[in-house]
Amino acid sequence: MIIGILQTDSVKPEFSKQFGEYSAMFQSLLRDIDLRLGFRVYDVQHNIYPDDINECDAYIITGSRTSVYQLDPWISALRGFIVTLEQQQKKLVAVCFGHQLVAQAFGGKTEKSDRGWGVGVHTCQIQKREHWMKPPMHHYNLIVSHQDQVTKLPDNAELLAGSEFCPVGMFQMGDTILAIQGHPEFNKDYAEALMRYRRNLLGETVFSQGIRSLQSPINETGIAKWMLEFMAD
């Protein structure tokens, strides 16, 4: 399988040498499961897209510090590409910013949450089980880093998982699109570095809770397996 990574942001220069770019994080996560996977990276922030949608068997959208409701031209272009992927029935897994943009693209809504920042390890409860959820889990822990949340799902979307803090943690659109708010590609060291960088922005209470939460196990491998099962299905 060849997976196209639609990169929507760059890792801050002070972190990129140690942790790599977001596209590299996804490649490492997924190659730990299947070394046969191939990848192509497209910097969609600079309007770089595949010449042919069939260059890749499936696509992933990364996270971004940008909000999906901003009026940047590249966000509008990516929203259009998401619609094209759905029309062409190309598999798409959309993470964080991607998850939120998918909702916006099909009539849902993303807003800055009145619950504030979500950082560190959060737990989502499975609301609906799908056949590609192998291995099965009743809930999962993932690292999160977001203020925005999907507050209204598209009419034809199906809620799969959520929490009290983030009710829309994962959803699916038909057999084509899987959207995930959490970051399976993040490791705990990167999450901690990001929280320490944003300490003043987060506030001491959220920062301290986030750092403490890193003691919890995360299910990044399980979610990565779900992603691959969904894309290959």
C-alpha atoms as a PDB file:
ATOM      1  CA  MET A   1       0.000   0.000   0.000  1.00  0.00           C
ATOM      2  CA  ILE A   2       1.198   3.523  -0.837  1.00  0.00           C
ATOM      3  CA  ILE A   3      -0.054   6.155   1.610  1.00  0.00           C
ATOM      4  CA  GLY A   4      -0.059   9.833   0.747  1.00  0.00           C
ATOM      5  CA  ILE A   5       0.588  12.095   3.734  1.00  0.00           C
ATOM      6  CA  LEU A   6      -1.036  15.506   3.344  1.00  0.00           C
ATOM      7  CA  GLN A   7       1.174  17.575   5.651  1.00  0.00           C
ATOM      8  CA  THR A   8      -0.582  20.651   7.042  1.00  0.00           C
ATOM      9  CA  ASP A   9       2.121  22.044   9.332  1.00  0.00           C
ATOM     10  CA  SER A  10       5.803  21.824  10.220  1.00  0.00           C
ATOM     11  CA  VAL A  11       7.339  20.862  13.547  1.00  0.00           C
ATOM     12  CA  LYS A  12       8.932  23.847  15.273  1.00  0.00           C
ATOM     13  CA  PRO A  13      12.633  24.066  14.362  1.00  0.00           C
ATOM     14  CA  GLU A  14      13.693  23.644  17.995  1.00  0.00           C
ATOM     15  CA  PHE A  15      11.971  20.227  18.040  1.00  0.00           C
ATOM     16  CA  SER A  16      12.343  18.921  14.489  1.00  0.00           C
ATOM     17  CA  LYS A  17      15.930  17.650  14.862  1.00  0.00           C
ATOM     18  CA  GLN A  18      14.944  15.408  17.776  1.00  0.00           C
ATOM     19  CA  PHE A  19      11.432  14.374  16.750  1.00  0.00           C
ATOM     20  CA  GLY A  20      11.293  14.808  12.977  1.00  0.00           C
ATOM     21  CA  GLU A  21       8.453  16.221  10.902  1.00  0.00           C
ATOM     22  CA  TYR A  22       4.837  15.122  11.306  1.00  0.00           C
ATOM     23  CA  SER A  23       5.028  13.064   8.122  1.00  0.00           C
ATOM     24  CA  ALA A  24       8.022  11.178   9.551  1.00  0.00           C
ATOM     25  CA  MET A  25       6.123  10.511  12.796  1.00  0.00           C
ATOM     26  CA  PHE A  26       3.318   8.852  10.826  1.00  0.00           C
ATOM     27  CA  GLN A  27       5.752   6.828   8.745  1.00  0.00           C
ATOM     28  CA  SER A  28       7.513   5.551  11.862  1.00  0.00           C
ATOM     29  CA  LEU A  29       4.203   4.688  13.552  1.00  0.00           C
ATOM     30  CA  LEU A  30       2.847   2.738  10.598  1.00  0.00           C
ATOM     31  CA  ARG A  31       6.096   1.081   9.472  1.00  0.00           C
ATOM     32  CA  ASP A  32       6.413  -0.417  12.953  1.00  0.00           C
ATOM     33  CA  ILE A  33       3.334  -2.429  11.945  1.00  0.00           C
ATOM     34  CA  ASP A  34       4.059  -3.070   8.265  1.00  0.00           C
ATOM     35  CA  LEU A  35       7.501  -2.520   6.730  1.00  0.00           C
ATOM     36  CA  ARG A  36       6.090  -2.999   3.229  1.00  0.00           C
ATOM     37  CA  LEU A  37       4.208   0.308   3.302  1.00  0.00           C
ATOM     38  CA  GLY A  38       5.262   3.063   0.918  1.00  0.00           C
ATOM     39  CA  PHE A  39       4.736   6.785   1.518  1.00  0.00           C
ATOM     40  CA  ARG A  40       4.561  10.022  -0.429  1.00  0.00           C
ATOM     41  CA  VAL A  41       4.482  13.393   1.322  1.00  0.00           C
ATOM     42  CA  TYR A  42       2.599  16.428   0.009  1.00  0.00           C
ATOM     43  CA  ASP A  43       3.106  19.854   1.600  1.00  0.00           C
ATOM     44  CA  VAL A  44      -0.452  21.084   1.148  1.00  0.00           C
ATOM     45  CA  GLN A  45       0.281  24.292   3.089  1.00  0.00           C
ATOM     46  CA  HIS A  46       2.261  25.241  -0.016  1.00  0.00           C
ATOM     47  CA  ASN A  47      -0.330  23.787  -2.407  1.00  0.00           C
ATOM     48  CA  ILE A  48       1.643  20.662  -3.290  1.00  0.00           C
ATOM     49  CA  TYR A  49      -0.757  17.853  -4.232  1.00  0.00           C
ATOM     50  CA  PRO A  50      -0.494  14.613  -6.183  1.00  0.00           C
ATOM     51  CA  ASP A  51      -0.591  15.051  -9.956  1.00  0.00           C
ATOM     52  CA  ASP A  52      -2.966  12.096 -10.030  1.00  0.00           C
ATOM     53  CA  ILE A  53      -5.206  11.122  -7.118  1.00  0.00           C
ATOM     54  CA  ASN A  54      -4.338   7.482  -7.837  1.00  0.00           C
ATOM     55  CA  GLU A  55      -0.646   8.035  -7.075  1.00  0.00           C
ATOM     56  CA  CYS A  56      -1.575   6.710  -3.621  1.00  0.00           C
ATOM     57  CA  ASP A  57      -3.898   3.980  -2.392  1.00  0.00           C
ATOM     58  CA  ALA A  58      -4.989   6.014   0.643  1.00  0.00           C
ATOM     59  CA  TYR A  59      -4.291   9.349   2.314  1.00  0.00           C
ATOM     60  CA  ILE A  60      -3.639  10.769   5.784  1.00  0.00           C
ATOM     61  CA  ILE A  61      -4.132  14.393   6.857  1.00  0.00           C
ATOM     62  CA  THR A  62      -1.853  15.548   9.681  1.00  0.00           C
ATOM     63  CA  GLY A  63      -2.506  17.922  12.542  1.00  0.00           C
ATOM     64  CA  SER A  64      -1.787  21.652  12.383  1.00  0.00           C
ATOM     65  CA  ARG A  65      -1.573  24.638  14.724  1.00  0.00           C
ATOM     66  CA  THR A  66      -3.910  26.452  12.296  1.00  0.00           C
ATOM     67  CA  SER A  67      -7.675  26.463  12.915  1.00  0.00           C
ATOM     68  CA  VAL A  68      -9.837  25.026  10.150  1.00  0.00           C
ATOM     69  CA  TYR A  69     -12.217  28.010  10.243  1.00  0.00           C
ATOM     70  CA  GLN A  70      -9.458  30.458   9.298  1.00  0.00           C
ATOM     71  CA  LEU A  71      -9.733  31.865   5.792  1.00  0.00           C
ATOM     72  CA  ASP A  72      -6.322  30.763   4.492  1.00  0.00           C
ATOM     73  CA  PRO A  73      -6.527  29.814   0.787  1.00  0.00           C
ATOM     74  CA  TRP A  74      -4.616  26.560   1.364  1.00  0.00           C
ATOM     75  CA  ILE A  75      -7.298  25.408   3.842  1.00  0.00           C
ATOM     76  CA  SER A  76     -10.007  26.003   1.261  1.00  0.00           C
ATOM     77  CA  ALA A  77      -7.979  24.058  -1.317  1.00  0.00           C
ATOM     78  CA  LEU A  78      -7.518  21.128   1.069  1.00  0.00           C
ATOM     79  CA  ARG A  79     -11.225  21.128   1.883  1.00  0.00           C
ATOM     80  CA  GLY A  80     -11.909  20.784  -1.836  1.00  0.00           C
ATOM     81  CA  PHE A  81      -9.420  17.915  -2.119  1.00  0.00           C
ATOM     82  CA  ILE A  82     -11.144  16.126   0.785  1.00  0.00           C
ATOM     83  CA  VAL A  83     -14.445  16.338  -1.097  1.00  0.00           C
ATOM     84  CA  THR A  84     -12.750  14.958  -4.216  1.00  0.00           C
ATOM     85  CA  LEU A  85     -11.287  12.045  -2.240  1.00  0.00           C
ATOM     86  CA  GLU A  86     -14.749  11.193  -0.949  1.00  0.00           C
ATOM     87  CA  GLN A  87     -16.275  11.449  -4.417  1.00  0.00           C
ATOM     88  CA  GLN A  88     -13.560   9.173  -5.836  1.00  0.00           C
ATOM     89  CA  GLN A  89     -13.957   6.766  -2.892  1.00  0.00           C
ATOM     90  CA  LYS A  90     -10.273   7.062  -1.933  1.00  0.00           C
ATOM     91  CA  LYS A  91      -9.597   6.083   1.659  1.00  0.00           C
ATOM     92  CA  LEU A  92      -8.710   8.952   3.999  1.00  0.00           C
ATOM     93  CA  VAL A  93      -7.664   8.994   7.657  1.00  0.00           C
ATOM     94  CA  ALA A  94      -7.808  12.527   9.053  1.00  0.00           C
ATOM     95  CA  VAL A  95      -6.105  13.388  12.356  1.00  0.00           C
ATOM     96  CA  CYS A  96      -6.742  16.408  14.661  1.00  0.00           C
ATOM     97  CA  PHE A  97      -6.821  19.387  12.232  1.00  0.00           C
ATOM     98  CA  GLY A  98      -7.752  16.901   9.500  1.00  0.00           C
ATOM     99  CA  HIS A  99     -10.555  15.447  11.646  1.00  0.00           C
ATOM    100  CA  GLN A 100     -11.936  18.955  12.179  1.00  0.00           C
ATOM    101  CA  LEU A 101     -11.621  19.949   8.515  1.00  0.00           C
ATOM    102  CA  VAL A 102     -13.465  16.830   7.365  1.00  0.00           C
ATOM    103  CA  ALA A 103     -16.386  17.859   9.584  1.00  0.00           C
ATOM    104  CA  GLN A 104     -16.350  21.381   8.109  1.00  0.00           C
ATOM    105  CA  ALA A 105     -16.089  20.069   4.537  1.00  0.00           C
ATOM    106  CA  PHE A 106     -19.328  18.103   4.750  1.00  0.00           C
ATOM    107  CA  GLY A 107     -21.580  20.482   6.662  1.00  0.00           C
ATOM    108  CA  GLY A 108     -20.447  19.931  10.247  1.00  0.00           C
ATOM    109  CA  LYS A 109     -18.907  22.550  12.512  1.00  0.00           C
ATOM    110  CA  THR A 110     -15.614  23.077  14.336  1.00  0.00           C
ATOM    111  CA  GLU A 111     -15.228  25.733  17.038  1.00  0.00           C
ATOM    112  CA  LYS A 112     -12.859  26.771  19.797  1.00  0.00           C
ATOM    113  CA  SER A 113     -14.088  24.730  22.766  1.00  0.00           C
ATOM    114  CA  ASP A 114     -15.299  26.403  25.948  1.00  0.00           C
ATOM    115  CA  ARG A 115     -13.632  23.477  27.736  1.00  0.00           C
ATOM    116  CA  GLY A 116     -10.250  25.000  26.904  1.00  0.00           C
ATOM    117  CA  TRP A 117      -7.042  23.193  25.971  1.00  0.00           C
ATOM    118  CA  GLY A 118      -6.862  19.418  25.810  1.00  0.00           C
ATOM    119  CA  VAL A 119      -3.284  18.192  26.300  1.00  0.00           C
ATOM    120  CA  GLY A 120      -1.544  15.045  27.489  1.00  0.00           C
ATOM    121  CA  VAL A 121      -3.162  11.605  27.527  1.00  0.00           C
ATOM    122  CA  HIS A 122      -6.957  11.506  27.189  1.00  0.00           C
ATOM    123  CA  THR A 123      -9.308   8.513  27.174  1.00  0.00           C
ATOM    124  CA  CYS A 124     -12.076   8.008  24.606  1.00  0.00           C
ATOM    125  CA  GLN A 125     -14.892   5.504  25.035  1.00  0.00           C
ATOM    126  CA  ILE A 126     -15.972   3.476  22.007  1.00  0.00           C
ATOM    127  CA  GLN A 127     -19.565   4.333  21.083  1.00  0.00           C
ATOM    128  CA  LYS A 128     -19.887   2.038  18.087  1.00  0.00           C
ATOM    129  CA  ARG A 129     -17.787  -0.935  17.024  1.00  0.00           C
ATOM    130  CA  GLU A 130     -16.741  -1.472  13.417  1.00  0.00           C
ATOM    131  CA  HIS A 131     -15.350  -4.624  11.794  1.00  0.00           C
ATOM    132  CA  TRP A 132     -11.977  -2.949  11.060  1.00  0.00           C
ATOM    133  CA  MET A 133     -11.401  -2.240  14.781  1.00  0.00           C
ATOM    134  CA  LYS A 134      -8.792  -4.967  15.177  1.00  0.00           C
ATOM    135  CA  PRO A 135      -7.652  -5.458  17.889  1.00  0.00           C
ATOM    136  CA  PRO A 136     -10.978  -4.640  19.613  1.00  0.00           C
ATOM    137  CA  MET A 137     -10.886  -2.062  22.436  1.00  0.00           C
ATOM    138  CA  HIS A 138     -13.638  -0.777  24.752  1.00  0.00           C
ATOM    139  CA  HIS A 139     -11.739   2.503  25.092  1.00  0.00           C
ATOM    140  CA  TYR A 140      -8.398   3.926  24.034  1.00  0.00           C
ATOM    141  CA  ASN A 141      -5.839   6.406  25.349  1.00  0.00           C
ATOM    142  CA  LEU A 142      -4.150   8.855  22.975  1.00  0.00           C
ATOM    143  CA  ILE A 143      -2.092  11.999  23.320  1.00  0.00           C
ATOM    144  CA  VAL A 144      -4.092  15.087  22.421  1.00  0.00           C
ATOM    145  CA  SER A 145      -3.170  18.713  21.774  1.00  0.00           C
ATOM    146  CA  HIS A 146      -6.054  20.959  20.743  1.00  0.00           C
ATOM    147  CA  GLN A 147      -8.364  23.828  21.637  1.00  0.00           C
ATOM    148  CA  ASP A 148     -10.760  23.383  18.712  1.00  0.00           C
ATOM    149  CA  GLN A 149     -13.346  20.629  18.672  1.00  0.00           C
ATOM    150  CA  VAL A 150     -15.950  19.302  16.272  1.00  0.00           C
ATOM    151  CA  THR A 151     -19.226  20.552  17.743  1.00  0.00           C
ATOM    152  CA  LYS A 152     -21.556  19.352  14.979  1.00  0.00           C
ATOM    153  CA  LEU A 153     -21.086  16.250  12.854  1.00  0.00           C
ATOM    154  CA  PRO A 154     -22.023  16.132   9.168  1.00  0.00           C
ATOM    155  CA  ASP A 155     -25.455  14.599   8.658  1.00  0.00           C
ATOM    156  CA  ASN A 156     -24.073  11.395   7.146  1.00  0.00           C
ATOM    157  CA  ALA A 157     -21.264  10.925   9.698  1.00  0.00           C
ATOM    158  CA  GLU A 158     -21.318   8.215  12.340  1.00  0.00           C
ATOM    159  CA  LEU A 159     -19.897   8.864  15.809  1.00  0.00           C
ATOM    160  CA  LEU A 160     -17.487   6.101  16.866  1.00  0.00           C
ATOM    161  CA  ALA A 161     -15.834   7.373  20.064  1.00  0.00           C
ATOM    162  CA  GLY A 162     -15.751  10.314  22.435  1.00  0.00           C
ATOM    163  CA  SER A 163     -15.274  11.534  25.992  1.00  0.00           C
ATOM    164  CA  GLU A 164     -16.819  14.039  28.366  1.00  0.00           C
ATOM    165  CA  PHE A 165     -14.102  16.555  27.466  1.00  0.00           C
ATOM    166  CA  CYS A 166     -14.280  15.864  23.716  1.00  0.00           C
ATOM    167  CA  PRO A 167     -17.629  14.268  22.742  1.00  0.00           C
ATOM    168  CA  VAL A 168     -16.569  13.821  19.094  1.00  0.00           C
ATOM    169  CA  GLY A 169     -13.313  11.911  19.420  1.00  0.00           C
ATOM    170  CA  MET A 170     -13.646   9.711  16.321  1.00  0.00           C
ATOM    171  CA  PHE A 171     -16.129   9.485  13.484  1.00  0.00           C
ATOM    172  CA  GLN A 172     -16.566   7.759  10.155  1.00  0.00           C
ATOM    173  CA  MET A 173     -18.134   8.819   6.863  1.00  0.00           C
ATOM    174  CA  GLY A 174     -19.281   5.843   4.855  1.00  0.00           C
ATOM    175  CA  ASP A 175     -16.511   3.411   4.045  1.00  0.00           C
ATOM    176  CA  THR A 176     -14.166   6.169   2.880  1.00  0.00           C
ATOM    177  CA  ILE A 177     -13.215   8.562   5.689  1.00  0.00           C
ATOM    178  CA  LEU A 178     -12.050   7.929   9.260  1.00  0.00           C
ATOM    179  CA  ALA A 179     -11.500  11.028  11.426  1.00  0.00           C
ATOM    180  CA  ILE A 180      -9.591  10.964  14.746  1.00  0.00           C
ATOM    181  CA  GLN A 181      -9.097  13.896  17.123  1.00  0.00           C
ATOM    182  CA  GLY A 182      -6.164  12.374  19.059  1.00  0.00           C
ATOM    183  CA  HIS A 183      -2.569  12.009  17.861  1.00  0.00           C
ATOM    184  CA  PRO A 184      -1.452   8.368  17.481  1.00  0.00           C
ATOM    185  CA  GLU A 185       1.751   9.658  15.826  1.00  0.00           C
ATOM    186  CA  PHE A 186       2.890  11.667  18.901  1.00  0.00           C
ATOM    187  CA  ASN A 187       5.156  10.081  21.492  1.00  0.00           C
ATOM    188  CA  LYS A 188       5.264  11.166  25.123  1.00  0.00           C
ATOM    189  CA  ASP A 189       8.594  12.965  24.843  1.00  0.00           C
ATOM    190  CA  TYR A 190       7.283  15.186  22.055  1.00  0.00           C
ATOM    191  CA  ALA A 191       4.030  15.805  23.934  1.00  0.00           C
ATOM    192  CA  GLU A 192       5.993  16.869  27.018  1.00  0.00           C
ATOM    193  CA  ALA A 193       8.284  19.159  25.010  1.00  0.00           C
ATOM    194  CA  LEU A 194       5.254  20.806  23.397  1.00  0.00           C
ATOM    195  CA  MET A 195       3.502  21.298  26.735  1.00  0.00           C
ATOM    196  CA  ARG A 196       6.599  22.833  28.303  1.00  0.00           C
ATOM    197  CA  TYR A 197       6.927  25.188  25.326  1.00  0.00           C
ATOM    198  CA  ARG A 198       3.270  26.229  25.765  1.00  0.00           C
ATOM    199  CA  ARG A 199       3.256  26.285  29.567  1.00  0.00           C
ATOM    200  CA  ASN A 200       2.283  29.945  29.910  1.00  0.00           C
ATOM    201  CA  LEU A 201      -0.352  29.620  27.207  1.00  0.00           C
ATOM    202  CA  LEU A 202      -1.892  26.519  28.795  1.00  0.00           C
ATOM    203  CA  GLY A 203      -1.936  27.843  32.361  1.00  0.00           C
ATOM    204  CA  GLU A 204      -0.500  26.021  35.332  1.00  0.00           C
ATOM    205  CA  THR A 205      -3.517  23.819  36.058  1.00  0.00           C
ATOM    206  CA  VAL A 206      -3.861  22.433  32.507  1.00  0.00           C
ATOM    207  CA  PHE A 207      -0.074  22.118  32.163  1.00  0.00           C
ATOM    208  CA  SER A 208       0.290  20.167  35.436  1.00  0.00           C
ATOM    209  CA  GLN A 209      -2.619  17.861  34.618  1.00  0.00           C
ATOM    210  CA  GLY A 210      -1.177  17.236  31.158  1.00  0.00           C
ATOM    211  CA  ILE A 211       2.281  16.363  32.484  1.00  0.00           C
ATOM    212  CA  ARG A 212       0.816  14.006  35.099  1.00  0.00           C
ATOM    213  CA  SER A 213      -1.316  12.293  32.459  1.00  0.00           C
ATOM    214  CA  LEU A 214       1.832  11.132  30.642  1.00  0.00           C
ATOM    215  CA  GLN A 215       2.140   8.434  33.322  1.00  0.00           C
ATOM    216  CA  SER A 216      -0.836   6.687  31.670  1.00  0.00           C
ATOM    217  CA  PRO A 217      -0.296   4.100  28.933  1.00  0.00           C
ATOM    218  CA  ILE A 218      -1.240   5.025  25.370  1.00  0.00           C
ATOM    219  CA  ASN A 219      -2.776   2.873  22.637  1.00  0.00           C
ATOM    220  CA  GLU A 220      -0.985   4.372  19.642  1.00  0.00           C
ATOM    221  CA  THR A 221      -0.182   0.945  18.168  1.00  0.00           C
ATOM    222  CA  GLY A 222      -3.771  -0.243  18.460  1.00  0.00           C
ATOM    223  CA  ILE A 223      -5.088   2.895  16.766  1.00  0.00           C
ATOM    224  CA  ALA A 224      -2.412   2.630  14.053  1.00  0.00           C
ATOM    225  CA  LYS A 225      -3.614  -0.923  13.361  1.00  0.00           C
ATOM    226  CA  TRP A 226      -7.166   0.389  13.094  1.00  0.00           C
ATOM    227  CA  MET A 227      -6.000   3.022  10.627  1.00  0.00           C
ATOM    228  CA  LEU A 228      -4.327   0.419   8.421  1.00  0.00           C
ATOM    229  CA  GLU A 229      -7.279  -1.978   8.644  1.00  0.00           C
ATOM    230  CA  PHE A 230      -9.613   0.850   7.627  1.00  0.00           C
ATOM    231  CA  MET A 231      -7.428   1.930   4.700  1.00  0.00           C
ATOM    232  CA  ALA A 232      -6.993  -1.641   3.451  1.00  0.00           C
ATOM    233  CA  ASP A 233     -10.654  -2.623   3.892  1.00  0.00           C
END
